[in-house]
C-alpha cells in the first residue's frame, strides 16, 4: 500500500484535460463545458440559429437526473453540423464557453 502512495506522490498533477477536437463527419455533435442549468430546449434554440436541429440530448446522471455538463446535438446535415462548430465553438452560453466538436462514433459512446 505504501508503494502505491509513493508512486502517486511522484506522479505530477494531471493538467486539466482539454477535450480533443473531433472532426465533423456526421450531423451528430458533442457539446461540452455546458452549464448545468442548460436544458435541451436551450440547446435546441441555440443550434437552430445555425441550422435545423433534429435532436438535442443533455446527458445526465441516472440517479439524480443532474446534468453531467455535456450534451449531444443532432443536426439535419453534416454541413450544418460543421457550421455549428465554426459558429458556436468557444462561444459563451449561460456563463460558460462551449466546446463544440464532432461526436465520436456510436461504438465509442458510453452510457
PDB file of N, CA and C in Angstrom:
ATOM      1  N   UNK A   1       0.828  -1.196   0.000  1.00  0.00           N
ATOM      2  CA  UNK A   1       0.000   0.000   0.000  1.00  0.00           C
ATOM      3  C   UNK A   1       0.869   1.254   0.000  1.00  0.00           C
ATOM      4  N   UNK A   2       1.967   1.202   0.771  1.00  0.00           N
ATOM      5  CA  UNK A   2       2.847   2.356   0.843  1.00  0.00           C
ATOM      6  C   UNK A   2       3.466   2.655  -0.517  1.00  0.00           C
ATOM      7  N   UNK A   3       3.810   1.590  -1.264  1.00  0.00           N
ATOM      8  CA  UNK A   3       4.404   1.783  -2.595  1.00  0.00           C
ATOM      9  C   UNK A   3       3.460   2.553  -3.501  1.00  0.00           C
ATOM     10  N   UNK A   4       2.180   2.193  -3.432  1.00  0.00           N
ATOM     11  CA  UNK A   4       1.184   2.864  -4.271  1.00  0.00           C
ATOM     12  C   UNK A   4       1.144   4.351  -3.923  1.00  0.00           C
ATOM     13  N   UNK A   5       1.148   4.655  -2.627  1.00  0.00           N
ATOM     14  CA  UNK A   5       1.098   6.047  -2.183  1.00  0.00           C
ATOM     15  C   UNK A   5       2.332   6.799  -2.678  1.00  0.00           C
ATOM     16  N   UNK A   6       3.501   6.172  -2.576  1.00  0.00           N
ATOM     17  CA  UNK A   6       4.734   6.823  -3.035  1.00  0.00           C
ATOM     18  C   UNK A   6       4.682   7.076  -4.535  1.00  0.00           C
ATOM     19  N   UNK A   7       4.175   6.089  -5.280  1.00  0.00           N
ATOM     20  CA  UNK A   7       4.043   6.273  -6.729  1.00  0.00           C
ATOM     21  C   UNK A   7       3.131   7.455  -7.027  1.00  0.00           C
ATOM     22  N   UNK A   8       2.029   7.529  -6.297  1.00  0.00           N
ATOM     23  CA  UNK A   8       1.062   8.590  -6.517  1.00  0.00           C
ATOM     24  C   UNK A   8       1.689   9.954  -6.249  1.00  0.00           C
ATOM     25  N   UNK A   9       2.513  10.036  -5.194  1.00  0.00           N
ATOM     26  CA  UNK A   9       3.159  11.300  -4.846  1.00  0.00           C
ATOM     27  C   UNK A   9       4.141  11.729  -5.925  1.00  0.00           C
ATOM     28  N   UNK A  10       4.757  10.775  -6.612  1.00  0.00           N
ATOM     29  CA  UNK A  10       5.729  11.106  -7.651  1.00  0.00           C
ATOM     30  C   UNK A  10       5.057  11.498  -8.963  1.00  0.00           C
ATOM     31  N   UNK A  11       3.820  11.079  -9.145  1.00  0.00           N
ATOM     32  CA  UNK A  11       3.101  11.391 -10.381  1.00  0.00           C
ATOM     33  C   UNK A  11       2.714  12.863 -10.363  1.00  0.00           C
ATOM     34  N   UNK A  12       3.124  13.622 -11.375  1.00  0.00           N
ATOM     35  CA  UNK A  12       2.755  15.037 -11.390  1.00  0.00           C
ATOM     36  C   UNK A  12       1.240  15.197 -11.537  1.00  0.00           C
ATOM     37  N   UNK A  13       0.720  16.286 -11.019  1.00  0.00           N
ATOM     38  CA  UNK A  13      -0.717  16.539 -11.127  1.00  0.00           C
ATOM     39  C   UNK A  13      -1.098  16.599 -12.598  1.00  0.00           C
ATOM     40  N   UNK A  14      -2.205  15.967 -12.905  1.00  0.00           N
ATOM     41  CA  UNK A  14      -2.654  15.968 -14.301  1.00  0.00           C
ATOM     42  C   UNK A  14      -3.181  17.344 -14.673  1.00  0.00           C
ATOM     43  N   UNK A  15      -2.773  17.870 -15.828  1.00  0.00           N
ATOM     44  CA  UNK A  15      -3.343  19.146 -16.251  1.00  0.00           C
ATOM     45  C   UNK A  15      -4.813  18.950 -16.602  1.00  0.00           C
ATOM     46  N   UNK A  16      -5.570  20.023 -16.567  1.00  0.00           N
ATOM     47  CA  UNK A  16      -6.987  19.929 -16.936  1.00  0.00           C
ATOM     48  C   UNK A  16      -7.063  19.354 -18.338  1.00  0.00           C
ATOM     49  N   UNK A  17      -7.902  18.367 -18.507  1.00  0.00           N
ATOM     50  CA  UNK A  17      -7.985  17.662 -19.794  1.00  0.00           C
ATOM     51  C   UNK A  17      -8.787  18.484 -20.776  1.00  0.00           C
ATOM     52  N   UNK A  18      -8.163  18.826 -21.873  1.00  0.00           N
ATOM     53  CA  UNK A  18      -8.852  19.540 -22.946  1.00  0.00           C
ATOM     54  C   UNK A  18      -9.525  18.496 -23.814  1.00  0.00           C
ATOM     55  N   UNK A  19     -10.840  18.621 -24.038  1.00  0.00           N
ATOM     56  CA  UNK A  19     -11.469  17.644 -24.939  1.00  0.00           C
ATOM     57  C   UNK A  19     -10.826  17.749 -26.320  1.00  0.00           C
ATOM     58  N   UNK A  20     -10.536  16.603 -26.896  1.00  0.00           N
ATOM     59  CA  UNK A  20      -9.903  16.625 -28.211  1.00  0.00           C
ATOM     60  C   UNK A  20     -10.933  17.059 -29.252  1.00  0.00           C
ATOM     61  N   UNK A  21     -10.474  17.827 -30.220  1.00  0.00           N
ATOM     62  CA  UNK A  21     -11.373  18.238 -31.292  1.00  0.00           C
ATOM     63  C   UNK A  21     -11.578  17.034 -32.202  1.00  0.00           C
ATOM     64  N   UNK A  22     -12.808  16.668 -32.401  1.00  0.00           N
ATOM     65  CA  UNK A  22     -13.123  15.534 -33.257  1.00  0.00           C
ATOM     66  C   UNK A  22     -13.685  16.101 -34.559  1.00  0.00           C
ATOM     67  N   UNK A  23     -13.156  15.621 -35.670  1.00  0.00           N
ATOM     68  CA  UNK A  23     -13.607  16.099 -36.975  1.00  0.00           C
ATOM     69  C   UNK A  23     -15.096  15.812 -37.162  1.00  0.00           C
ATOM     70  N   UNK A  24     -15.779  16.757 -37.795  1.00  0.00           N
ATOM     71  CA  UNK A  24     -17.214  16.596 -38.026  1.00  0.00           C
ATOM     72  C   UNK A  24     -17.407  15.759 -39.286  1.00  0.00           C
ATOM     73  N   UNK A  25     -17.814  14.503 -39.091  1.00  0.00           N
ATOM     74  CA  UNK A  25     -18.035  13.618 -40.235  1.00  0.00           C
ATOM     75  C   UNK A  25     -19.473  13.122 -40.269  1.00  0.00           C
ATOM     76  N   UNK A  26     -20.268  13.557 -39.279  1.00  0.00           N
ATOM     77  CA  UNK A  26     -21.685  13.198 -39.248  1.00  0.00           C
ATOM     78  C   UNK A  26     -22.434  14.389 -38.672  1.00  0.00           C
ATOM     79  N   UNK A  27     -23.759  14.375 -38.743  1.00  0.00           N
ATOM     80  CA  UNK A  27     -24.529  15.505 -38.200  1.00  0.00           C
ATOM     81  C   UNK A  27     -24.557  15.546 -36.673  1.00  0.00           C
ATOM     82  N   UNK A  28     -23.997  14.526 -36.009  1.00  0.00           N
ATOM     83  CA  UNK A  28     -24.044  14.452 -34.544  1.00  0.00           C
ATOM     84  C   UNK A  28     -22.873  15.221 -33.938  1.00  0.00           C
ATOM     85  N   UNK A  29     -23.182  16.104 -32.985  1.00  0.00           N
ATOM     86  CA  UNK A  29     -22.170  16.941 -32.359  1.00  0.00           C
ATOM     87  C   UNK A  29     -22.078  16.688 -30.859  1.00  0.00           C
ATOM     88  N   UNK A  30     -20.867  16.858 -30.341  1.00  0.00           N
ATOM     89  CA  UNK A  30     -20.625  16.824 -28.906  1.00  0.00           C
ATOM     90  C   UNK A  30     -20.594  18.273 -28.431  1.00  0.00           C
ATOM     91  N   UNK A  31     -21.284  18.559 -27.342  1.00  0.00           N
ATOM     92  CA  UNK A  31     -21.287  19.902 -26.767  1.00  0.00           C
ATOM     93  C   UNK A  31     -20.820  19.772 -25.321  1.00  0.00           C
ATOM     94  N   UNK A  32     -19.632  20.289 -25.048  1.00  0.00           N
ATOM     95  CA  UNK A  32     -19.055  20.169 -23.715  1.00  0.00           C
ATOM     96  C   UNK A  32     -18.949  21.503 -23.006  1.00  0.00           C
ATOM     97  N   UNK A  33     -18.523  21.464 -21.753  1.00  0.00           N
ATOM     98  CA  UNK A  33     -18.416  22.628 -20.864  1.00  0.00           C
ATOM     99  C   UNK A  33     -19.760  23.344 -20.774  1.00  0.00           C
ATOM    100  N   UNK A  34     -20.793  22.556 -20.730  1.00  0.00           N
ATOM    101  CA  UNK A  34     -22.165  23.062 -20.731  1.00  0.00           C
ATOM    102  C   UNK A  34     -22.578  23.442 -19.318  1.00  0.00           C
ATOM    103  N   UNK A  35     -23.266  24.550 -19.202  1.00  0.00           N
ATOM    104  CA  UNK A  35     -23.795  24.958 -17.901  1.00  0.00           C
ATOM    105  C   UNK A  35     -24.726  23.856 -17.388  1.00  0.00           C
ATOM    106  N   UNK A  36     -24.676  23.578 -16.095  1.00  0.00           N
ATOM    107  CA  UNK A  36     -25.541  22.536 -15.521  1.00  0.00           C
ATOM    108  C   UNK A  36     -27.006  22.950 -15.572  1.00  0.00           C
ATOM    109  N   UNK A  37     -27.264  24.250 -15.785  1.00  0.00           N
ATOM    110  CA  UNK A  37     -28.647  24.736 -15.874  1.00  0.00           C
ATOM    111  C   UNK A  37     -29.211  24.613 -17.296  1.00  0.00           C
ATOM    112  N   UNK A  38     -28.349  24.360 -18.277  1.00  0.00           N
ATOM    113  CA  UNK A  38     -28.801  24.313 -19.674  1.00  0.00           C
ATOM    114  C   UNK A  38     -29.772  23.158 -19.888  1.00  0.00           C
ATOM    115  N   UNK A  39     -30.849  23.442 -20.609  1.00  0.00           N
ATOM    116  CA  UNK A  39     -31.845  22.411 -20.915  1.00  0.00           C
ATOM    117  C   UNK A  39     -31.755  22.039 -22.386  1.00  0.00           C
ATOM    118  N   UNK A  40     -32.447  20.963 -22.744  1.00  0.00           N
ATOM    119  CA  UNK A  40     -32.468  20.552 -24.145  1.00  0.00           C
ATOM    120  C   UNK A  40     -33.113  21.623 -25.007  1.00  0.00           C
ATOM    121  N   UNK A  41     -34.126  22.312 -24.483  1.00  0.00           N
ATOM    122  CA  UNK A  41     -34.760  23.362 -25.293  1.00  0.00           C
ATOM    123  C   UNK A  41     -33.819  24.562 -25.469  1.00  0.00           C
ATOM    124  N   UNK A  42     -32.951  24.848 -24.466  1.00  0.00           N
ATOM    125  CA  UNK A  42     -31.938  25.903 -24.634  1.00  0.00           C
ATOM    126  C   UNK A  42     -31.016  25.554 -25.799  1.00  0.00           C
ATOM    127  N   UNK A  43     -30.580  24.298 -25.842  1.00  0.00           N
ATOM    128  CA  UNK A  43     -29.678  23.859 -26.914  1.00  0.00           C
ATOM    129  C   UNK A  43     -30.382  23.892 -28.263  1.00  0.00           C
ATOM    130  N   UNK A  44     -31.636  23.458 -28.280  1.00  0.00           N
ATOM    131  CA  UNK A  44     -32.436  23.477 -29.499  1.00  0.00           C
ATOM    132  C   UNK A  44     -32.452  24.892 -30.077  1.00  0.00           C
ATOM    133  N   UNK A  45     -32.751  25.861 -29.217  1.00  0.00           N
ATOM    134  CA  UNK A  45     -32.814  27.264 -29.651  1.00  0.00           C
ATOM    135  C   UNK A  45     -31.471  27.754 -30.165  1.00  0.00           C
ATOM    136  N   UNK A  46     -30.413  27.489 -29.401  1.00  0.00           N
ATOM    137  CA  UNK A  46     -29.070  27.952 -29.768  1.00  0.00           C
ATOM    138  C   UNK A  46     -28.648  27.383 -31.119  1.00  0.00           C
ATOM    139  N   UNK A  47     -28.777  26.068 -31.276  1.00  0.00           N
ATOM    140  CA  UNK A  47     -28.301  25.420 -32.503  1.00  0.00           C
ATOM    141  C   UNK A  47     -29.239  25.663 -33.678  1.00  0.00           C
ATOM    142  N   UNK A  48     -30.512  25.929 -33.420  1.00  0.00           N
ATOM    143  CA  UNK A  48     -31.444  26.248 -34.509  1.00  0.00           C
ATOM    144  C   UNK A  48     -31.077  27.564 -35.184  1.00  0.00           C
ATOM    145  N   UNK A  49     -30.308  28.415 -34.499  1.00  0.00           N
ATOM    146  CA  UNK A  49     -29.832  29.648 -35.106  1.00  0.00           C
ATOM    147  C   UNK A  49     -28.813  29.391 -36.204  1.00  0.00           C
ATOM    148  N   UNK A  50     -28.269  28.188 -36.241  1.00  0.00           N
ATOM    149  CA  UNK A  50     -27.226  27.833 -37.201  1.00  0.00           C
ATOM    150  C   UNK A  50     -27.771  26.918 -38.300  1.00  0.00           C
ATOM    151  N   UNK A  51     -28.684  26.046 -37.941  1.00  0.00           N
ATOM    152  CA  UNK A  51     -29.238  25.081 -38.890  1.00  0.00           C
ATOM    153  C   UNK A  51     -30.396  24.360 -38.239  1.00  0.00           C
ATOM    154  N   UNK A  52     -30.879  23.338 -38.913  1.00  0.00           N
ATOM    155  CA  UNK A  52     -32.035  22.611 -38.399  1.00  0.00           C
ATOM    156  C   UNK A  52     -31.606  21.510 -37.427  1.00  0.00           C
ATOM    157  N   UNK A  53     -32.126  21.576 -36.210  1.00  0.00           N
ATOM    158  CA  UNK A  53     -31.791  20.597 -35.170  1.00  0.00           C
ATOM    159  C   UNK A  53     -32.773  19.433 -35.241  1.00  0.00           C
ATOM    160  N   UNK A  54     -32.230  18.219 -35.280  1.00  0.00           N
ATOM    161  CA  UNK A  54     -33.052  17.009 -35.253  1.00  0.00           C
ATOM    162  C   UNK A  54     -33.343  16.606 -33.810  1.00  0.00           C
ATOM    163  N   UNK A  55     -32.300  16.721 -32.963  1.00  0.00           N
ATOM    164  CA  UNK A  55     -32.407  16.215 -31.608  1.00  0.00           C
ATOM    165  C   UNK A  55     -31.350  16.887 -30.729  1.00  0.00           C
ATOM    166  N   UNK A  56     -31.696  17.148 -29.477  1.00  0.00           N
ATOM    167  CA  UNK A  56     -30.730  17.668 -28.501  1.00  0.00           C
ATOM    168  C   UNK A  56     -30.917  16.862 -27.223  1.00  0.00           C
ATOM    169  N   UNK A  57     -29.815  16.345 -26.705  1.00  0.00           N
ATOM    170  CA  UNK A  57     -29.901  15.477 -25.528  1.00  0.00           C
ATOM    171  C   UNK A  57     -28.832  15.866 -24.516  1.00  0.00           C
ATOM    172  N   UNK A  58     -29.247  16.420 -23.381  1.00  0.00           N
ATOM    173  CA  UNK A  58     -28.325  16.724 -22.289  1.00  0.00           C
ATOM    174  C   UNK A  58     -28.091  15.409 -21.541  1.00  0.00           C
ATOM    175  N   UNK A  59     -26.838  15.045 -21.355  1.00  0.00           N
ATOM    176  CA  UNK A  59     -26.509  13.795 -20.669  1.00  0.00           C
ATOM    177  C   UNK A  59     -26.546  14.057 -19.167  1.00  0.00           C
ATOM    178  N   UNK A  60     -27.299  13.201 -18.443  1.00  0.00           N
ATOM    179  CA  UNK A  60     -27.434  13.410 -17.004  1.00  0.00           C
ATOM    180  C   UNK A  60     -27.239  12.111 -16.235  1.00  0.00           C
ATOM    181  N   UNK A  61     -26.959  12.253 -14.954  1.00  0.00           N
ATOM    182  CA  UNK A  61     -26.810  11.090 -14.082  1.00  0.00           C
ATOM    183  C   UNK A  61     -28.165  10.422 -13.909  1.00  0.00           C
ATOM    184  N   UNK A  62     -28.177   9.095 -13.940  1.00  0.00           N
ATOM    185  CA  UNK A  62     -29.447   8.365 -13.806  1.00  0.00           C
ATOM    186  C   UNK A  62     -30.054   8.536 -12.417  1.00  0.00           C
ATOM    187  N   UNK A  63     -29.215   8.517 -11.377  1.00  0.00           N
ATOM    188  CA  UNK A  63     -29.747   8.500 -10.011  1.00  0.00           C
ATOM    189  C   UNK A  63     -30.358   9.820  -9.557  1.00  0.00           C
ATOM    190  N   UNK A  64     -29.910  10.963 -10.104  1.00  0.00           N
ATOM    191  CA  UNK A  64     -30.495  12.224  -9.644  1.00  0.00           C
ATOM    192  C   UNK A  64     -30.885  13.177 -10.775  1.00  0.00           C
ATOM    193  N   UNK A  65     -30.739  12.717 -11.998  1.00  0.00           N
ATOM    194  CA  UNK A  65     -31.121  13.492 -13.190  1.00  0.00           C
ATOM    195  C   UNK A  65     -30.351  14.801 -13.334  1.00  0.00           C
ATOM    196  N   UNK A  66     -29.257  14.979 -12.602  1.00  0.00           N
ATOM    197  CA  UNK A  66     -28.448  16.194 -12.715  1.00  0.00           C
ATOM    198  C   UNK A  66     -27.560  16.098 -13.953  1.00  0.00           C
ATOM    199  N   UNK A  67     -27.435  17.202 -14.661  1.00  0.00           N
ATOM    200  CA  UNK A  67     -26.630  17.251 -15.880  1.00  0.00           C
ATOM    201  C   UNK A  67     -25.177  16.891 -15.587  1.00  0.00           C
ATOM    202  N   UNK A  68     -24.551  16.183 -16.534  1.00  0.00           N
ATOM    203  CA  UNK A  68     -23.124  15.877 -16.419  1.00  0.00           C
ATOM    204  C   UNK A  68     -22.286  16.990 -17.041  1.00  0.00           C
ATOM    205  N   UNK A  69     -22.940  18.005 -17.617  1.00  0.00           N
ATOM    206  CA  UNK A  69     -22.203  19.128 -18.177  1.00  0.00           C
ATOM    207  C   UNK A  69     -21.837  18.962 -19.644  1.00  0.00           C
ATOM    208  N   UNK A  70     -22.462  17.980 -20.300  1.00  0.00           N
ATOM    209  CA  UNK A  70     -22.263  17.864 -21.746  1.00  0.00           C
ATOM    210  C   UNK A  70     -23.523  17.329 -22.395  1.00  0.00           C
ATOM    211  N   UNK A  71     -23.556  17.443 -23.712  1.00  0.00           N
ATOM    212  CA  UNK A  71     -24.758  17.055 -24.446  1.00  0.00           C
ATOM    213  C   UNK A  71     -24.371  16.613 -25.852  1.00  0.00           C
ATOM    214  N   UNK A  72     -25.353  16.076 -26.542  1.00  0.00           N
ATOM    215  CA  UNK A  72     -25.200  15.741 -27.955  1.00  0.00           C
ATOM    216  C   UNK A  72     -26.325  16.421 -28.708  1.00  0.00           C
ATOM    217  N   UNK A  73     -25.958  17.009 -29.842  1.00  0.00           N
ATOM    218  CA  UNK A  73     -26.948  17.677 -30.691  1.00  0.00           C
ATOM    219  C   UNK A  73     -26.840  17.059 -32.074  1.00  0.00           C
ATOM    220  N   UNK A  74     -27.976  16.671 -32.620  1.00  0.00           N
ATOM    221  CA  UNK A  74     -28.031  16.079 -33.953  1.00  0.00           C
ATOM    222  C   UNK A  74     -28.587  17.119 -34.912  1.00  0.00           C
ATOM    223  N   UNK A  75     -27.773  17.518 -35.884  1.00  0.00           N
ATOM    224  CA  UNK A  75     -28.213  18.489 -36.881  1.00  0.00           C
ATOM    225  C   UNK A  75     -28.806  17.741 -38.085  1.00  0.00           C
ATOM    226  N   UNK A  76     -29.414  18.487 -38.977  1.00  0.00           N
ATOM    227  CA  UNK A  76     -30.027  17.888 -40.173  1.00  0.00           C
ATOM    228  C   UNK A  76     -28.965  17.328 -41.129  1.00  0.00           C
ATOM    229  N   UNK A  77     -27.897  18.105 -41.357  1.00  0.00           N
ATOM    230  CA  UNK A  77     -26.875  17.682 -42.325  1.00  0.00           C
ATOM    231  C   UNK A  77     -25.470  17.854 -41.733  1.00  0.00           C
ATOM    232  N   UNK A  78     -24.492  17.214 -42.352  1.00  0.00           N
ATOM    233  CA  UNK A  78     -23.094  17.355 -41.943  1.00  0.00           C
ATOM    234  C   UNK A  78     -22.658  18.810 -42.123  1.00  0.00           C
ATOM    235  N   UNK A  79     -23.111  19.457 -43.200  1.00  0.00           N
ATOM    236  CA  UNK A  79     -22.743  20.858 -43.457  1.00  0.00           C
ATOM    237  C   UNK A  79     -23.223  21.763 -42.327  1.00  0.00           C
ATOM    238  N   UNK A  80     -24.455  21.529 -41.859  1.00  0.00           N
ATOM    239  CA  UNK A  80     -24.984  22.328 -40.750  1.00  0.00           C
ATOM    240  C   UNK A  80     -24.196  22.058 -39.471  1.00  0.00           C
ATOM    241  N   UNK A  81     -23.809  20.815 -39.277  1.00  0.00           N
ATOM    242  CA  UNK A  81     -23.011  20.463 -38.093  1.00  0.00           C
ATOM    243  C   UNK A  81     -21.665  21.181 -38.145  1.00  0.00           C
ATOM    244  N   UNK A  82     -21.035  21.214 -39.326  1.00  0.00           N
ATOM    245  CA  UNK A  82     -19.754  21.909 -39.474  1.00  0.00           C
ATOM    246  C   UNK A  82     -19.919  23.408 -39.216  1.00  0.00           C
ATOM    247  N   UNK A  83     -21.011  23.977 -39.700  1.00  0.00           N
ATOM    248  CA  UNK A  83     -21.286  25.401 -39.476  1.00  0.00           C
ATOM    249  C   UNK A  83     -21.500  25.670 -37.985  1.00  0.00           C
ATOM    250  N   UNK A  84     -22.196  24.760 -37.312  1.00  0.00           N
ATOM    251  CA  UNK A  84     -22.447  24.912 -35.874  1.00  0.00           C
ATOM    252  C   UNK A  84     -21.126  24.924 -35.097  1.00  0.00           C
ATOM    253  N   UNK A  85     -20.195  24.054 -35.475  1.00  0.00           N
ATOM    254  CA  UNK A  85     -18.889  24.029 -34.807  1.00  0.00           C
ATOM    255  C   UNK A  85     -18.170  25.361 -35.063  1.00  0.00           C
ATOM    256  N   UNK A  86     -18.178  25.806 -36.306  1.00  0.00           N
ATOM    257  CA  UNK A  86     -17.490  27.059 -36.655  1.00  0.00           C
ATOM    258  C   UNK A  86     -18.072  28.250 -35.894  1.00  0.00           C
ATOM    259  N   UNK A  87     -19.384  28.282 -35.734  1.00  0.00           N
ATOM    260  CA  UNK A  87     -20.026  29.439 -35.118  1.00  0.00           C
ATOM    261  C   UNK A  87     -20.146  29.355 -33.601  1.00  0.00           C
ATOM    262  N   UNK A  88     -20.278  28.145 -33.051  1.00  0.00           N
ATOM    263  CA  UNK A  88     -20.604  28.027 -31.631  1.00  0.00           C
ATOM    264  C   UNK A  88     -19.463  27.547 -30.740  1.00  0.00           C
ATOM    265  N   UNK A  89     -18.416  26.956 -31.329  1.00  0.00           N
ATOM    266  CA  UNK A  89     -17.291  26.506 -30.500  1.00  0.00           C
ATOM    267  C   UNK A  89     -16.646  27.729 -29.850  1.00  0.00           C
ATOM    268  N   UNK A  90     -16.409  27.658 -28.555  1.00  0.00           N
ATOM    269  CA  UNK A  90     -15.772  28.726 -27.783  1.00  0.00           C
ATOM    270  C   UNK A  90     -16.688  29.933 -27.557  1.00  0.00           C
ATOM    271  N   UNK A  91     -17.957  29.792 -27.899  1.00  0.00           N
ATOM    272  CA  UNK A  91     -18.920  30.872 -27.673  1.00  0.00           C
ATOM    273  C   UNK A  91     -19.442  30.768 -26.239  1.00  0.00           C
ATOM    274  N   UNK A  92     -19.626  31.917 -25.597  1.00  0.00           N
ATOM    275  CA  UNK A  92     -20.153  31.894 -24.231  1.00  0.00           C
ATOM    276  C   UNK A  92     -21.652  31.641 -24.276  1.00  0.00           C
ATOM    277  N   UNK A  93     -22.089  30.695 -23.453  1.00  0.00           N
ATOM    278  CA  UNK A  93     -23.505  30.317 -23.383  1.00  0.00           C
ATOM    279  C   UNK A  93     -23.828  30.008 -21.929  1.00  0.00           C
ATOM    280  N   UNK A  94     -24.738  30.746 -21.347  1.00  0.00           N
ATOM    281  CA  UNK A  94     -25.120  30.602 -19.936  1.00  0.00           C
ATOM    282  C   UNK A  94     -23.889  30.656 -19.020  1.00  0.00           C
ATOM    283  N   UNK A  95     -22.975  31.577 -19.347  1.00  0.00           N
ATOM    284  CA  UNK A  95     -21.827  31.820 -18.480  1.00  0.00           C
ATOM    285  C   UNK A  95     -20.628  30.914 -18.679  1.00  0.00           C
ATOM    286  N   UNK A  96     -20.674  30.019 -19.665  1.00  0.00           N
ATOM    287  CA  UNK A  96     -19.533  29.127 -19.906  1.00  0.00           C
ATOM    288  C   UNK A  96     -19.211  29.084 -21.387  1.00  0.00           C
ATOM    289  N   UNK A  97     -17.913  28.913 -21.704  1.00  0.00           N
ATOM    290  CA  UNK A  97     -17.512  28.812 -23.115  1.00  0.00           C
ATOM    291  C   UNK A  97     -17.713  27.382 -23.591  1.00  0.00           C
ATOM    292  N   UNK A  98     -18.544  27.229 -24.602  1.00  0.00           N
ATOM    293  CA  UNK A  98     -18.874  25.895 -25.109  1.00  0.00           C
ATOM    294  C   UNK A  98     -17.701  25.251 -25.830  1.00  0.00           C
ATOM    295  N   UNK A  99     -17.657  23.940 -25.742  1.00  0.00           N
ATOM    296  CA  UNK A  99     -16.761  23.133 -26.561  1.00  0.00           C
ATOM    297  C   UNK A  99     -17.694  22.397 -27.519  1.00  0.00           C
ATOM    298  N   UNK A 100     -17.592  22.697 -28.805  1.00  0.00           N
ATOM    299  CA  UNK A 100     -18.463  22.048 -29.792  1.00  0.00           C
ATOM    300  C   UNK A 100     -17.568  21.355 -30.816  1.00  0.00           C
ATOM    301  N   UNK A 101     -17.773  20.050 -30.986  1.00  0.00           N
ATOM    302  CA  UNK A 101     -16.988  19.314 -31.979  1.00  0.00           C
ATOM    303  C   UNK A 101     -17.807  18.135 -32.475  1.00  0.00           C
ATOM    304  N   UNK A 102     -17.265  17.440 -33.440  1.00  0.00           N
ATOM    305  CA  UNK A 102     -17.933  16.237 -33.923  1.00  0.00           C
ATOM    306  C   UNK A 102     -18.012  15.223 -32.793  1.00  0.00           C
ATOM    307  N   UNK A 103     -19.085  14.470 -32.752  1.00  0.00           N
ATOM    308  CA  UNK A 103     -19.216  13.424 -31.738  1.00  0.00           C
ATOM    309  C   UNK A 103     -18.453  12.204 -32.224  1.00  0.00           C
ATOM    310  N   UNK A 104     -17.830  11.495 -31.296  1.00  0.00           N
ATOM    311  CA  UNK A 104     -17.172  10.246 -31.679  1.00  0.00           C
ATOM    312  C   UNK A 104     -18.245   9.280 -32.135  1.00  0.00           C
ATOM    313  N   UNK A 105     -17.862   8.315 -32.956  1.00  0.00           N
ATOM    314  CA  UNK A 105     -18.854   7.375 -33.476  1.00  0.00           C
ATOM    315  C   UNK A 105     -19.512   6.610 -32.335  1.00  0.00           C
ATOM    316  N   UNK A 106     -20.715   6.114 -32.574  1.00  0.00           N
ATOM    317  CA  UNK A 106     -21.525   5.476 -31.529  1.00  0.00           C
ATOM    318  C   UNK A 106     -20.854   4.290 -30.853  1.00  0.00           C
ATOM    319  N   UNK A 107     -19.956   3.601 -31.547  1.00  0.00           N
ATOM    320  CA  UNK A 107     -19.333   2.441 -30.929  1.00  0.00           C
ATOM    321  C   UNK A 107     -18.466   2.838 -29.736  1.00  0.00           C
ATOM    322  N   UNK A 108     -18.024   4.117 -29.692  1.00  0.00           N
ATOM    323  CA  UNK A 108     -17.220   4.592 -28.567  1.00  0.00           C
ATOM    324  C   UNK A 108     -18.071   5.282 -27.516  1.00  0.00           C
ATOM    325  N   UNK A 109     -19.323   5.493 -27.809  1.00  0.00           N
ATOM    326  CA  UNK A 109     -20.209   6.231 -26.872  1.00  0.00           C
ATOM    327  C   UNK A 109     -20.409   5.417 -25.601  1.00  0.00           C
ATOM    328  N   UNK A 110     -20.420   6.142 -24.491  1.00  0.00           N
ATOM    329  CA  UNK A 110     -20.650   5.484 -23.201  1.00  0.00           C
ATOM    330  C   UNK A 110     -21.984   5.948 -22.651  1.00  0.00           C
ATOM    331  N   UNK A 111     -22.666   5.065 -21.897  1.00  0.00           N
ATOM    332  CA  UNK A 111     -23.973   5.417 -21.373  1.00  0.00           C
ATOM    333  C   UNK A 111     -23.965   5.960 -20.001  1.00  0.00           C
TER     334      UNK A 111
END
